[in-house]
Amino acid sequence: MRIVLILIVAAWGTIALLTFATTSNKTLDAKLTAAYLLAWPVLAVALFLNEPVPLWLAVPTMFGFLPWFLAGPHLYAIVRDPSRSRPDEIIGIPRAYWKWGGIGSILLGLAFDGFV
């Protein structure tokens, strides 16, 4: 199973690095989106390898991984054409999700950490 995970992460890493390299002459939003596509799974894998992780850290990481996983085509479209990004978005994801999702996931993680 570890070999499969290593192969998946290696393939993803290679593609993400190539995507990040192609944004050198694009806007800041395209660069941030490419960095998000590259960095967030690294954080998730680092937390996975360093178990046990406090829930106040693990829950926000998983909630931050959801837009990465579900909005992949939209984020890749922003990397290819930065004009598709809207003014109320950060890295192609609405500001409200980052603000309220971040606050809620940290509070949820603290609550779970206190009860478990």
PDB file of N, CA and C in Angstrom:
ATOM      1  N   MET A   1       0.823  -1.199   0.000  1.00  0.00           N
ATOM      2  CA  MET A   1       0.000   0.000   0.000  1.00  0.00           C
ATOM      3  C   MET A   1       0.867   1.264   0.000  1.00  0.00           C
ATOM      4  N   ARG A   2       1.971   1.218   0.754  1.00  0.00           N
ATOM      5  CA  ARG A   2       2.855   2.381   0.788  1.00  0.00           C
ATOM      6  C   ARG A   2       3.451   2.673  -0.585  1.00  0.00           C
ATOM      7  N   ILE A   3       3.765   1.622  -1.337  1.00  0.00           N
ATOM      8  CA  ILE A   3       4.331   1.820  -2.672  1.00  0.00           C
ATOM      9  C   ILE A   3       3.307   2.507  -3.575  1.00  0.00           C
ATOM     10  N   VAL A   4       2.042   2.113  -3.464  1.00  0.00           N
ATOM     11  CA  VAL A   4       0.991   2.743  -4.259  1.00  0.00           C
ATOM     12  C   VAL A   4       0.864   4.225  -3.897  1.00  0.00           C
ATOM     13  N   LEU A   5       0.864   4.521  -2.600  1.00  0.00           N
ATOM     14  CA  LEU A   5       0.790   5.922  -2.168  1.00  0.00           C
ATOM     15  C   LEU A   5       1.997   6.719  -2.651  1.00  0.00           C
ATOM     16  N   ILE A   6       3.168   6.117  -2.589  1.00  0.00           N
ATOM     17  CA  ILE A   6       4.373   6.803  -3.044  1.00  0.00           C
ATOM     18  C   ILE A   6       4.292   7.082  -4.546  1.00  0.00           C
ATOM     19  N   LEU A   7       3.804   6.120  -5.325  1.00  0.00           N
ATOM     20  CA  LEU A   7       3.672   6.323  -6.775  1.00  0.00           C
ATOM     21  C   LEU A   7       2.648   7.408  -7.101  1.00  0.00           C
ATOM     22  N   ILE A   8       1.530   7.414  -6.374  1.00  0.00           N
ATOM     23  CA  ILE A   8       0.505   8.451  -6.596  1.00  0.00           C
ATOM     24  C   ILE A   8       1.067   9.828  -6.274  1.00  0.00           C
ATOM     25  N   VAL A   9       1.747   9.948  -5.146  1.00  0.00           N
ATOM     26  CA  VAL A   9       2.307  11.243  -4.750  1.00  0.00           C
ATOM     27  C   VAL A   9       3.411  11.671  -5.717  1.00  0.00           C
ATOM     28  N   ALA A  10       4.216  10.739  -6.182  1.00  0.00           N
ATOM     29  CA  ALA A  10       5.280  11.084  -7.135  1.00  0.00           C
ATOM     30  C   ALA A  10       4.696  11.588  -8.448  1.00  0.00           C
ATOM     31  N   ALA A  11       3.662  10.923  -8.949  1.00  0.00           N
ATOM     32  CA  ALA A  11       3.028  11.367 -10.199  1.00  0.00           C
ATOM     33  C   ALA A  11       2.380  12.731 -10.011  1.00  0.00           C
ATOM     34  N   TRP A  12       1.653  12.892  -8.903  1.00  0.00           N
ATOM     35  CA  TRP A  12       1.023  14.180  -8.627  1.00  0.00           C
ATOM     36  C   TRP A  12       2.079  15.268  -8.488  1.00  0.00           C
ATOM     37  N   GLY A  13       3.156  14.996  -7.792  1.00  0.00           N
ATOM     38  CA  GLY A  13       4.207  15.984  -7.587  1.00  0.00           C
ATOM     39  C   GLY A  13       4.854  16.423  -8.884  1.00  0.00           C
ATOM     40  N   THR A  14       5.097  15.478  -9.768  1.00  0.00           N
ATOM     41  CA  THR A  14       5.690  15.811 -11.061  1.00  0.00           C
ATOM     42  C   THR A  14       4.768  16.717 -11.872  1.00  0.00           C
ATOM     43  N   ILE A  15       3.500  16.374 -11.927  1.00  0.00           N
ATOM     44  CA  ILE A  15       2.535  17.188 -12.673  1.00  0.00           C
ATOM     45  C   ILE A  15       2.379  18.565 -12.032  1.00  0.00           C
ATOM     46  N   ALA A  16       2.311  18.618 -10.705  1.00  0.00           N
ATOM     47  CA  ALA A  16       2.153  19.902 -10.015  1.00  0.00           C
ATOM     48  C   ALA A  16       3.381  20.786 -10.215  1.00  0.00           C
ATOM     49  N   LEU A  17       4.574  20.212 -10.187  1.00  0.00           N
ATOM     50  CA  LEU A  17       5.780  21.006 -10.425  1.00  0.00           C
ATOM     51  C   LEU A  17       5.817  21.558 -11.848  1.00  0.00           C
ATOM     52  N   LEU A  18       5.409  20.752 -12.811  1.00  0.00           N
ATOM     53  CA  LEU A  18       5.347  21.237 -14.189  1.00  0.00           C
ATOM     54  C   LEU A  18       4.319  22.361 -14.331  1.00  0.00           C
ATOM     55  N   THR A  19       3.183  22.214 -13.657  1.00  0.00           N
ATOM     56  CA  THR A  19       2.161  23.268 -13.695  1.00  0.00           C
ATOM     57  C   THR A  19       2.691  24.546 -13.065  1.00  0.00           C
ATOM     58  N   PHE A  20       3.372  24.416 -11.936  1.00  0.00           N
ATOM     59  CA  PHE A  20       3.924  25.591 -11.265  1.00  0.00           C
ATOM     60  C   PHE A  20       4.996  26.256 -12.130  1.00  0.00           C
ATOM     61  N   ALA A  21       5.785  25.462 -12.825  1.00  0.00           N
ATOM     62  CA  ALA A  21       6.842  26.018 -13.671  1.00  0.00           C
ATOM     63  C   ALA A  21       6.278  26.804 -14.849  1.00  0.00           C
ATOM     64  N   THR A  22       5.091  26.443 -15.316  1.00  0.00           N
ATOM     65  CA  THR A  22       4.513  27.140 -16.465  1.00  0.00           C
ATOM     66  C   THR A  22       3.869  28.472 -16.099  1.00  0.00           C
ATOM     67  N   THR A  23       3.830  28.822 -14.822  1.00  0.00           N
ATOM     68  CA  THR A  23       3.177  30.070 -14.412  1.00  0.00           C
ATOM     69  C   THR A  23       4.161  31.218 -14.230  1.00  0.00           C
ATOM     70  N   SER A  24       5.385  31.056 -14.673  1.00  0.00           N
ATOM     71  CA  SER A  24       6.392  32.095 -14.431  1.00  0.00           C
ATOM     72  C   SER A  24       6.029  33.438 -15.054  1.00  0.00           C
ATOM     73  N   ASN A  25       5.309  33.449 -16.161  1.00  0.00           N
ATOM     74  CA  ASN A  25       4.945  34.718 -16.797  1.00  0.00           C
ATOM     75  C   ASN A  25       3.458  35.032 -16.667  1.00  0.00           C
ATOM     76  N   LYS A  26       2.795  34.443 -15.680  1.00  0.00           N
ATOM     77  CA  LYS A  26       1.359  34.675 -15.480  1.00  0.00           C
ATOM     78  C   LYS A  26       1.143  35.592 -14.280  1.00  0.00           C
ATOM     79  N   THR A  27      -0.126  35.870 -13.979  1.00  0.00           N
ATOM     80  CA  THR A  27      -0.463  36.780 -12.883  1.00  0.00           C
ATOM     81  C   THR A  27      -0.210  36.130 -11.528  1.00  0.00           C
ATOM     82  N   LEU A  28      -0.288  36.959 -10.497  1.00  0.00           N
ATOM     83  CA  LEU A  28      -0.075  36.470  -9.133  1.00  0.00           C
ATOM     84  C   LEU A  28      -1.122  35.434  -8.748  1.00  0.00           C
ATOM     85  N   ASP A  29      -2.367  35.640  -9.179  1.00  0.00           N
ATOM     86  CA  ASP A  29      -3.421  34.685  -8.841  1.00  0.00           C
ATOM     87  C   ASP A  29      -3.139  33.311  -9.444  1.00  0.00           C
ATOM     88  N   ALA A  30      -2.638  33.281 -10.656  1.00  0.00           N
ATOM     89  CA  ALA A  30      -2.286  32.000 -11.278  1.00  0.00           C
ATOM     90  C   ALA A  30      -1.137  31.343 -10.533  1.00  0.00           C
ATOM     91  N   LYS A  31      -0.170  32.132 -10.086  1.00  0.00           N
ATOM     92  CA  LYS A  31       0.958  31.586  -9.329  1.00  0.00           C
ATOM     93  C   LYS A  31       0.502  31.047  -7.982  1.00  0.00           C
ATOM     94  N   LEU A  32      -0.384  31.785  -7.301  1.00  0.00           N
ATOM     95  CA  LEU A  32      -0.899  31.315  -6.008  1.00  0.00           C
ATOM     96  C   LEU A  32      -1.733  30.049  -6.173  1.00  0.00           C
ATOM     97  N   THR A  33      -2.520  29.979  -7.236  1.00  0.00           N
ATOM     98  CA  THR A  33      -3.316  28.785  -7.486  1.00  0.00           C
ATOM     99  C   THR A  33      -2.419  27.592  -7.746  1.00  0.00           C
ATOM    100  N   ALA A  34      -1.376  27.775  -8.537  1.00  0.00           N
ATOM    101  CA  ALA A  34      -0.434  26.684  -8.796  1.00  0.00           C
ATOM    102  C   ALA A  34       0.290  26.271  -7.515  1.00  0.00           C
ATOM    103  N   ALA A  35       0.635  27.247  -6.675  1.00  0.00           N
ATOM    104  CA  ALA A  35       1.286  26.922  -5.403  1.00  0.00           C
ATOM    105  C   ALA A  35       0.336  26.146  -4.494  1.00  0.00           C
ATOM    106  N   TYR A  36      -0.943  26.512  -4.493  1.00  0.00           N
ATOM    107  CA  TYR A  36      -1.943  25.778  -3.704  1.00  0.00           C
ATOM    108  C   TYR A  36      -2.075  24.348  -4.211  1.00  0.00           C
ATOM    109  N   LEU A  37      -2.111  24.182  -5.540  1.00  0.00           N
ATOM    110  CA  LEU A  37      -2.194  22.833  -6.110  1.00  0.00           C
ATOM    111  C   LEU A  37      -0.982  22.001  -5.733  1.00  0.00           C
ATOM    112  N   LEU A  38       0.158  22.648  -5.554  1.00  0.00           N
ATOM    113  CA  LEU A  38       1.386  21.947  -5.215  1.00  0.00           C
ATOM    114  C   LEU A  38       1.535  21.715  -3.715  1.00  0.00           C
ATOM    115  N   ALA A  39       1.229  22.729  -2.916  1.00  0.00           N
ATOM    116  CA  ALA A  39       1.567  22.684  -1.497  1.00  0.00           C
ATOM    117  C   ALA A  39       0.555  21.962  -0.609  1.00  0.00           C
ATOM    118  N   TRP A  40      -0.728  22.042  -0.929  1.00  0.00           N
ATOM    119  CA  TRP A  40      -1.709  21.491  -0.003  1.00  0.00           C
ATOM    120  C   TRP A  40      -1.591  19.977   0.165  1.00  0.00           C
ATOM    121  N   PRO A  41      -1.432  19.213  -0.899  1.00  0.00           N
ATOM    122  CA  PRO A  41      -1.237  17.774  -0.702  1.00  0.00           C
ATOM    123  C   PRO A  41       0.058  17.438   0.024  1.00  0.00           C
ATOM    124  N   VAL A  42       1.083  18.272  -0.131  1.00  0.00           N
ATOM    125  CA  VAL A  42       2.318  18.041   0.628  1.00  0.00           C
ATOM    126  C   VAL A  42       2.019  18.141   2.121  1.00  0.00           C
ATOM    127  N   LEU A  43       1.233  19.135   2.503  1.00  0.00           N
ATOM    128  CA  LEU A  43       0.839  19.288   3.897  1.00  0.00           C
ATOM    129  C   LEU A  43       0.015  18.087   4.374  1.00  0.00           C
ATOM    130  N   ALA A  44      -0.916  17.641   3.539  1.00  0.00           N
ATOM    131  CA  ALA A  44      -1.748  16.494   3.911  1.00  0.00           C
ATOM    132  C   ALA A  44      -0.910  15.226   4.080  1.00  0.00           C
ATOM    133  N   VAL A  45       0.028  15.000   3.176  1.00  0.00           N
ATOM    134  CA  VAL A  45       0.897  13.815   3.279  1.00  0.00           C
ATOM    135  C   VAL A  45       1.804  13.925   4.496  1.00  0.00           C
ATOM    136  N   ALA A  46       2.315  15.131   4.772  1.00  0.00           N
ATOM    137  CA  ALA A  46       3.162  15.318   5.954  1.00  0.00           C
ATOM    138  C   ALA A  46       2.391  15.013   7.233  1.00  0.00           C
ATOM    139  N   LEU A  47       1.126  15.449   7.290  1.00  0.00           N
ATOM    140  CA  LEU A  47       0.318  15.129   8.470  1.00  0.00           C
ATOM    141  C   LEU A  47       0.023  13.638   8.547  1.00  0.00           C
ATOM    142  N   PHE A  48      -0.219  13.001   7.396  1.00  0.00           N
ATOM    143  CA  PHE A  48      -0.495  11.570   7.357  1.00  0.00           C
ATOM    144  C   PHE A  48       0.698  10.770   7.863  1.00  0.00           C
ATOM    145  N   LEU A  49       1.902  11.186   7.497  1.00  0.00           N
ATOM    146  CA  LEU A  49       3.101  10.459   7.900  1.00  0.00           C
ATOM    147  C   LEU A  49       3.495  10.719   9.350  1.00  0.00           C
ATOM    148  N   ASN A  50       3.004  11.814   9.928  1.00  0.00           N
ATOM    149  CA  ASN A  50       3.373  12.170  11.295  1.00  0.00           C
ATOM    150  C   ASN A  50       2.234  11.932  12.277  1.00  0.00           C
ATOM    151  N   GLU A  51       1.511  10.838  12.096  1.00  0.00           N
ATOM    152  CA  GLU A  51       0.418  10.544  13.014  1.00  0.00           C
ATOM    153  C   GLU A  51       0.975  10.220  14.385  1.00  0.00           C
ATOM    154  N   PRO A  52       0.291  10.469  15.458  1.00  0.00           N
ATOM    155  CA  PRO A  52      -0.994  11.148  15.599  1.00  0.00           C
ATOM    156  C   PRO A  52      -0.822  12.662  15.533  1.00  0.00           C
ATOM    157  N   VAL A  53      -1.784  13.298  14.924  1.00  0.00           N
ATOM    158  CA  VAL A  53      -1.787  14.755  14.746  1.00  0.00           C
ATOM    159  C   VAL A  53      -2.961  15.308  15.538  1.00  0.00           C
ATOM    160  N   PRO A  54      -2.771  16.419  16.243  1.00  0.00           N
ATOM    161  CA  PRO A  54      -3.907  17.014  16.957  1.00  0.00           C
ATOM    162  C   PRO A  54      -5.039  17.363  15.997  1.00  0.00           C
ATOM    163  N   LEU A  55      -6.261  17.158  16.451  1.00  0.00           N
ATOM    164  CA  LEU A  55      -7.410  17.389  15.583  1.00  0.00           C
ATOM    165  C   LEU A  55      -7.581  18.850  15.197  1.00  0.00           C
ATOM    166  N   TRP A  56      -7.114  19.780  16.042  1.00  0.00           N
ATOM    167  CA  TRP A  56      -7.241  21.191  15.681  1.00  0.00           C
ATOM    168  C   TRP A  56      -6.369  21.521  14.474  1.00  0.00           C
ATOM    169  N   LEU A  57      -5.415  20.662  14.133  1.00  0.00           N
ATOM    170  CA  LEU A  57      -4.592  20.839  12.953  1.00  0.00           C
ATOM    171  C   LEU A  57      -5.046  19.948  11.794  1.00  0.00           C
ATOM    172  N   ALA A  58      -5.509  18.760  12.107  1.00  0.00           N
ATOM    173  CA  ALA A  58      -5.913  17.808  11.070  1.00  0.00           C
ATOM    174  C   ALA A  58      -7.227  18.201  10.391  1.00  0.00           C
ATOM    175  N   VAL A  59      -8.205  18.678  11.157  1.00  0.00           N
ATOM    176  CA  VAL A  59      -9.509  19.023  10.585  1.00  0.00           C
ATOM    177  C   VAL A  59      -9.401  20.197   9.599  1.00  0.00           C
ATOM    178  N   PRO A  60      -8.712  21.307   9.940  1.00  0.00           N
ATOM    179  CA  PRO A  60      -8.566  22.374   8.930  1.00  0.00           C
ATOM    180  C   PRO A  60      -7.808  21.914   7.683  1.00  0.00           C
ATOM    181  N   THR A  61      -6.849  21.026   7.858  1.00  0.00           N
ATOM    182  CA  THR A  61      -6.120  20.526   6.697  1.00  0.00           C
ATOM    183  C   THR A  61      -7.041  19.738   5.781  1.00  0.00           C
ATOM    184  N   MET A  62      -7.895  18.920   6.355  1.00  0.00           N
ATOM    185  CA  MET A  62      -8.821  18.149   5.522  1.00  0.00           C
ATOM    186  C   MET A  62      -9.858  19.060   4.858  1.00  0.00           C
ATOM    187  N   PHE A  63     -10.369  20.063   5.591  1.00  0.00           N
ATOM    188  CA  PHE A  63     -11.327  20.984   4.987  1.00  0.00           C
ATOM    189  C   PHE A  63     -10.667  21.840   3.906  1.00  0.00           C
ATOM    190  N   GLY A  64      -9.398  22.135   4.046  1.00  0.00           N
ATOM    191  CA  GLY A  64      -8.680  22.857   3.002  1.00  0.00           C
ATOM    192  C   GLY A  64      -8.375  21.987   1.807  1.00  0.00           C
ATOM    193  N   PHE A  65      -8.346  20.680   2.018  1.00  0.00           N
ATOM    194  CA  PHE A  65      -8.085  19.748   0.924  1.00  0.00           C
ATOM    195  C   PHE A  65      -9.326  19.544   0.059  1.00  0.00           C
ATOM    196  N   LEU A  66     -10.516  19.737   0.626  1.00  0.00           N
ATOM    197  CA  LEU A  66     -11.747  19.539  -0.149  1.00  0.00           C
ATOM    198  C   LEU A  66     -11.840  20.420  -1.393  1.00  0.00           C
ATOM    199  N   PRO A  67     -11.593  21.739  -1.301  1.00  0.00           N
ATOM    200  CA  PRO A  67     -11.659  22.513  -2.549  1.00  0.00           C
ATOM    201  C   PRO A  67     -10.559  22.112  -3.531  1.00  0.00           C
ATOM    202  N   TRP A  68      -9.414  21.686  -3.011  1.00  0.00           N
ATOM    203  CA  TRP A  68      -8.340  21.229  -3.895  1.00  0.00           C
ATOM    204  C   TRP A  68      -8.812  20.017  -4.689  1.00  0.00           C
ATOM    205  N   PHE A  69      -9.491  19.121  -4.005  1.00  0.00           N
ATOM    206  CA  PHE A  69      -9.946  17.886  -4.638  1.00  0.00           C
ATOM    207  C   PHE A  69     -11.147  18.116  -5.554  1.00  0.00           C
ATOM    208  N   LEU A  70     -12.112  18.910  -5.096  1.00  0.00           N
ATOM    209  CA  LEU A  70     -13.360  19.072  -5.834  1.00  0.00           C
ATOM    210  C   LEU A  70     -13.304  20.138  -6.930  1.00  0.00           C
ATOM    211  N   ALA A  71     -12.449  21.117  -6.790  1.00  0.00           N
ATOM    212  CA  ALA A  71     -12.413  22.215  -7.757  1.00  0.00           C
ATOM    213  C   ALA A  71     -11.185  22.152  -8.657  1.00  0.00           C
ATOM    214  N   GLY A  72     -10.617  20.996  -8.814  1.00  0.00           N
ATOM    215  CA  GLY A  72      -9.408  20.841  -9.621  1.00  0.00           C
ATOM    216  C   GLY A  72      -9.512  21.416 -11.019  1.00  0.00           C
ATOM    217  N   PRO A  73     -10.560  21.088 -11.801  1.00  0.00           N
ATOM    218  CA  PRO A  73     -10.658  21.655 -13.151  1.00  0.00           C
ATOM    219  C   PRO A  73     -10.769  23.187 -13.152  1.00  0.00           C
ATOM    220  N   HIS A  74     -11.513  23.740 -12.189  1.00  0.00           N
ATOM    221  CA  HIS A  74     -11.643  25.197 -12.102  1.00  0.00           C
ATOM    222  C   HIS A  74     -10.293  25.831 -11.761  1.00  0.00           C
ATOM    223  N   LEU A  75      -9.577  25.228 -10.814  1.00  0.00           N
ATOM    224  CA  LEU A  75      -8.278  25.773 -10.437  1.00  0.00           C
ATOM    225  C   LEU A  75      -7.281  25.666 -11.587  1.00  0.00           C
ATOM    226  N   TYR A  76      -7.319  24.550 -12.310  1.00  0.00           N
ATOM    227  CA  TYR A  76      -6.411  24.393 -13.449  1.00  0.00           C
ATOM    228  C   TYR A  76      -6.753  25.386 -14.559  1.00  0.00           C
ATOM    229  N   ALA A  77      -8.045  25.695 -14.722  1.00  0.00           N
ATOM    230  CA  ALA A  77      -8.452  26.696 -15.720  1.00  0.00           C
ATOM    231  C   ALA A  77      -7.909  28.073 -15.354  1.00  0.00           C
ATOM    232  N   ILE A  78      -7.833  28.382 -14.061  1.00  0.00           N
ATOM    233  CA  ILE A  78      -7.265  29.663 -13.621  1.00  0.00           C
ATOM    234  C   ILE A  78      -5.770  29.703 -13.903  1.00  0.00           C
ATOM    235  N   VAL A  79      -5.107  28.564 -13.713  1.00  0.00           N
ATOM    236  CA  VAL A  79      -3.679  28.526 -14.019  1.00  0.00           C
ATOM    237  C   VAL A  79      -3.459  28.758 -15.515  1.00  0.00           C
ATOM    238  N   ARG A  80      -4.298  28.154 -16.354  1.00  0.00           N
ATOM    239  CA  ARG A  80      -4.156  28.308 -17.799  1.00  0.00           C
ATOM    240  C   ARG A  80      -4.576  29.695 -18.272  1.00  0.00           C
ATOM    241  N   ASP A  81      -5.672  30.230 -17.717  1.00  0.00           N
ATOM    242  CA  ASP A  81      -6.184  31.542 -18.115  1.00  0.00           C
ATOM    243  C   ASP A  81      -6.545  32.335 -16.860  1.00  0.00           C
ATOM    244  N   PRO A  82      -5.622  33.147 -16.329  1.00  0.00           N
ATOM    245  CA  PRO A  82      -5.865  33.867 -15.072  1.00  0.00           C
ATOM    246  C   PRO A  82      -7.050  34.821 -15.103  1.00  0.00           C
ATOM    247  N   SER A  83      -7.548  35.192 -16.272  1.00  0.00           N
ATOM    248  CA  SER A  83      -8.692  36.106 -16.330  1.00  0.00           C
ATOM    249  C   SER A  83      -9.978  35.436 -15.861  1.00  0.00           C
ATOM    250  N   ARG A  84      -9.979  34.125 -15.700  1.00  0.00           N
ATOM    251  CA  ARG A  84     -11.173  33.414 -15.215  1.00  0.00           C
ATOM    252  C   ARG A  84     -11.377  33.576 -13.709  1.00  0.00           C
ATOM    253  N   SER A  85     -10.386  34.081 -13.018  1.00  0.00           N
ATOM    254  CA  SER A  85     -10.499  34.305 -11.578  1.00  0.00           C
ATOM    255  C   SER A  85     -11.389  35.517 -11.319  1.00  0.00           C
ATOM    256  N   ARG A  86     -12.236  35.406 -10.320  1.00  0.00           N
ATOM    257  CA  ARG A  86     -13.140  36.500  -9.958  1.00  0.00           C
ATOM    258  C   ARG A  86     -12.513  37.348  -8.859  1.00  0.00           C
ATOM    259  N   PRO A  87     -12.948  38.611  -8.721  1.00  0.00           N
ATOM    260  CA  PRO A  87     -12.333  39.484  -7.715  1.00  0.00           C
ATOM    261  C   PRO A  87     -12.584  39.042  -6.271  1.00  0.00           C
ATOM    262  N   ASP A  88     -13.668  38.313  -6.010  1.00  0.00           N
ATOM    263  CA  ASP A  88     -13.967  37.901  -4.631  1.00  0.00           C
ATOM    264  C   ASP A  88     -13.387  36.530  -4.301  1.00  0.00           C
ATOM    265  N   GLU A  89     -12.410  36.074  -5.073  1.00  0.00           N
ATOM    266  CA  GLU A  89     -11.817  34.760  -4.845  1.00  0.00           C
ATOM    267  C   GLU A  89     -10.343  34.883  -4.459  1.00  0.00           C
ATOM    268  N   ILE A  90      -9.930  33.970  -3.625  1.00  0.00           N
ATOM    269  CA  ILE A  90      -8.515  33.807  -3.302  1.00  0.00           C
ATOM    270  C   ILE A  90      -8.142  32.422  -3.799  1.00  0.00           C
ATOM    271  N   ILE A  91      -7.181  32.365  -4.685  1.00  0.00           N
ATOM    272  CA  ILE A  91      -6.731  31.103  -5.286  1.00  0.00           C
ATOM    273  C   ILE A  91      -7.902  30.370  -5.945  1.00  0.00           C
ATOM    274  N   GLY A  92      -8.816  31.112  -6.531  1.00  0.00           N
ATOM    275  CA  GLY A  92      -9.924  30.498  -7.250  1.00  0.00           C
ATOM    276  C   GLY A  92     -11.054  29.991  -6.382  1.00  0.00           C
ATOM    277  N   ILE A  93     -10.989  30.242  -5.090  1.00  0.00           N
ATOM    278  CA  ILE A  93     -12.009  29.768  -4.150  1.00  0.00           C
ATOM    279  C   ILE A  93     -12.555  30.998  -3.414  1.00  0.00           C
ATOM    280  N   PRO A  94     -13.883  31.106  -3.255  1.00  0.00           N
ATOM    281  CA  PRO A  94     -14.466  32.304  -2.637  1.00  0.00           C
ATOM    282  C   PRO A  94     -13.885  32.607  -1.251  1.00  0.00           C
ATOM    283  N   ARG A  95     -13.738  33.900  -0.981  1.00  0.00           N
ATOM    284  CA  ARG A  95     -13.180  34.344   0.307  1.00  0.00           C
ATOM    285  C   ARG A  95     -13.996  33.838   1.494  1.00  0.00           C
ATOM    286  N   ALA A  96     -15.312  33.777   1.339  1.00  0.00           N
ATOM    287  CA  ALA A  96     -16.165  33.330   2.446  1.00  0.00           C
ATOM    288  C   ALA A  96     -15.838  31.905   2.855  1.00  0.00           C
ATOM    289  N   TYR A  97     -15.508  31.049   1.885  1.00  0.00           N
ATOM    290  CA  TYR A  97     -15.143  29.671   2.238  1.00  0.00           C
ATOM    291  C   TYR A  97     -13.876  29.667   3.077  1.00  0.00           C
ATOM    292  N   TRP A  98     -12.880  30.452   2.674  1.00  0.00           N
ATOM    293  CA  TRP A  98     -11.629  30.484   3.429  1.00  0.00           C
ATOM    294  C   TRP A  98     -11.845  31.035   4.835  1.00  0.00           C
ATOM    295  N   LYS A  99     -12.642  32.122   4.930  1.00  0.00           N
ATOM    296  CA  LYS A  99     -12.838  32.753   6.243  1.00  0.00           C
ATOM    297  C   LYS A  99     -13.673  31.876   7.169  1.00  0.00           C
ATOM    298  N   TRP A 100     -14.898  31.576   6.767  1.00  0.00           N
ATOM    299  CA  TRP A 100     -15.791  30.823   7.648  1.00  0.00           C
ATOM    300  C   TRP A 100     -15.406  29.350   7.725  1.00  0.00           C
ATOM    301  N   GLY A 101     -14.919  28.800   6.637  1.00  0.00           N
ATOM    302  CA  GLY A 101     -14.465  27.408   6.674  1.00  0.00           C
ATOM    303  C   GLY A 101     -13.257  27.235   7.576  1.00  0.00           C
ATOM    304  N   GLY A 102     -12.341  28.201   7.537  1.00  0.00           N
ATOM    305  CA  GLY A 102     -11.162  28.140   8.404  1.00  0.00           C
ATOM    306  C   GLY A 102     -11.520  28.266   9.875  1.00  0.00           C
ATOM    307  N   ILE A 103     -12.360  29.243  10.193  1.00  0.00           N
ATOM    308  CA  ILE A 103     -12.786  29.432  11.583  1.00  0.00           C
ATOM    309  C   ILE A 103     -13.559  28.208  12.069  1.00  0.00           C
ATOM    310  N   GLY A 104     -14.517  27.755  11.252  1.00  0.00           N
ATOM    311  CA  GLY A 104     -15.330  26.601  11.653  1.00  0.00           C
ATOM    312  C   GLY A 104     -14.520  25.329  11.805  1.00  0.00           C
ATOM    313  N   SER A 105     -13.578  25.088  10.919  1.00  0.00           N
ATOM    314  CA  SER A 105     -12.807  23.846  11.011  1.00  0.00           C
ATOM    315  C   SER A 105     -11.861  23.855  12.207  1.00  0.00           C
ATOM    316  N   ILE A 106     -11.292  25.012  12.528  1.00  0.00           N
ATOM    317  CA  ILE A 106     -10.440  25.079  13.721  1.00  0.00           C
ATOM    318  C   ILE A 106     -11.272  24.866  14.977  1.00  0.00           C
ATOM    319  N   LEU A 107     -12.439  25.504  15.060  1.00  0.00           N
ATOM    320  CA  LEU A 107     -13.313  25.304  16.230  1.00  0.00           C
ATOM    321  C   LEU A 107     -13.794  23.865  16.315  1.00  0.00           C
ATOM    322  N   LEU A 108     -14.138  23.273  15.188  1.00  0.00           N
ATOM    323  CA  LEU A 108     -14.554  21.870  15.167  1.00  0.00           C
ATOM    324  C   LEU A 108     -13.413  20.971  15.612  1.00  0.00           C
ATOM    325  N   GLY A 109     -12.212  21.235  15.141  1.00  0.00           N
ATOM    326  CA  GLY A 109     -11.052  20.450  15.571  1.00  0.00           C
ATOM    327  C   GLY A 109     -10.778  20.599  17.057  1.00  0.00           C
ATOM    328  N   LEU A 110     -10.907  21.826  17.577  1.00  0.00           N
ATOM    329  CA  LEU A 110     -10.721  22.031  19.024  1.00  0.00           C
ATOM    330  C   LEU A 110     -11.786  21.291  19.823  1.00  0.00           C
ATOM    331  N   ALA A 111     -13.027  21.321  19.350  1.00  0.00           N
ATOM    332  CA  ALA A 111     -14.106  20.614  20.044  1.00  0.00           C
ATOM    333  C   ALA A 111     -13.858  19.105  20.037  1.00  0.00           C
ATOM    334  N   PHE A 112     -13.492  18.560  18.884  1.00  0.00           N
ATOM    335  CA  PHE A 112     -13.202  17.127  18.808  1.00  0.00           C
ATOM    336  C   PHE A 112     -11.997  16.768  19.657  1.00  0.00           C
ATOM    337  N   ASP A 113     -10.993  17.638  19.674  1.00  0.00           N
ATOM    338  CA  ASP A 113      -9.799  17.381  20.469  1.00  0.00           C
ATOM    339  C   ASP A 113     -10.132  17.370  21.959  1.00  0.00           C
ATOM    340  N   GLY A 114     -11.086  18.223  22.359  1.00  0.00           N
ATOM    341  CA  GLY A 114     -11.477  18.269  23.765  1.00  0.00           C
ATOM    342  C   GLY A 114     -12.330  17.083  24.189  1.00  0.00           C
ATOM    343  N   PHE A 115     -13.106  16.515  23.256  1.00  0.00           N
ATOM    344  CA  PHE A 115     -14.000  15.407  23.602  1.00  0.00           C
ATOM    345  C   PHE A 115     -13.375  14.037  23.396  1.00  0.00           C
ATOM    346  N   VAL A 116     -12.339  13.967  22.602  1.00  0.00           N
ATOM    347  CA  VAL A 116     -11.761  12.652  22.286  1.00  0.00           C
ATOM    348  C   VAL A 116     -10.568  12.362  23.132  1.00  0.00           C
TER     349      VAL A 116
END
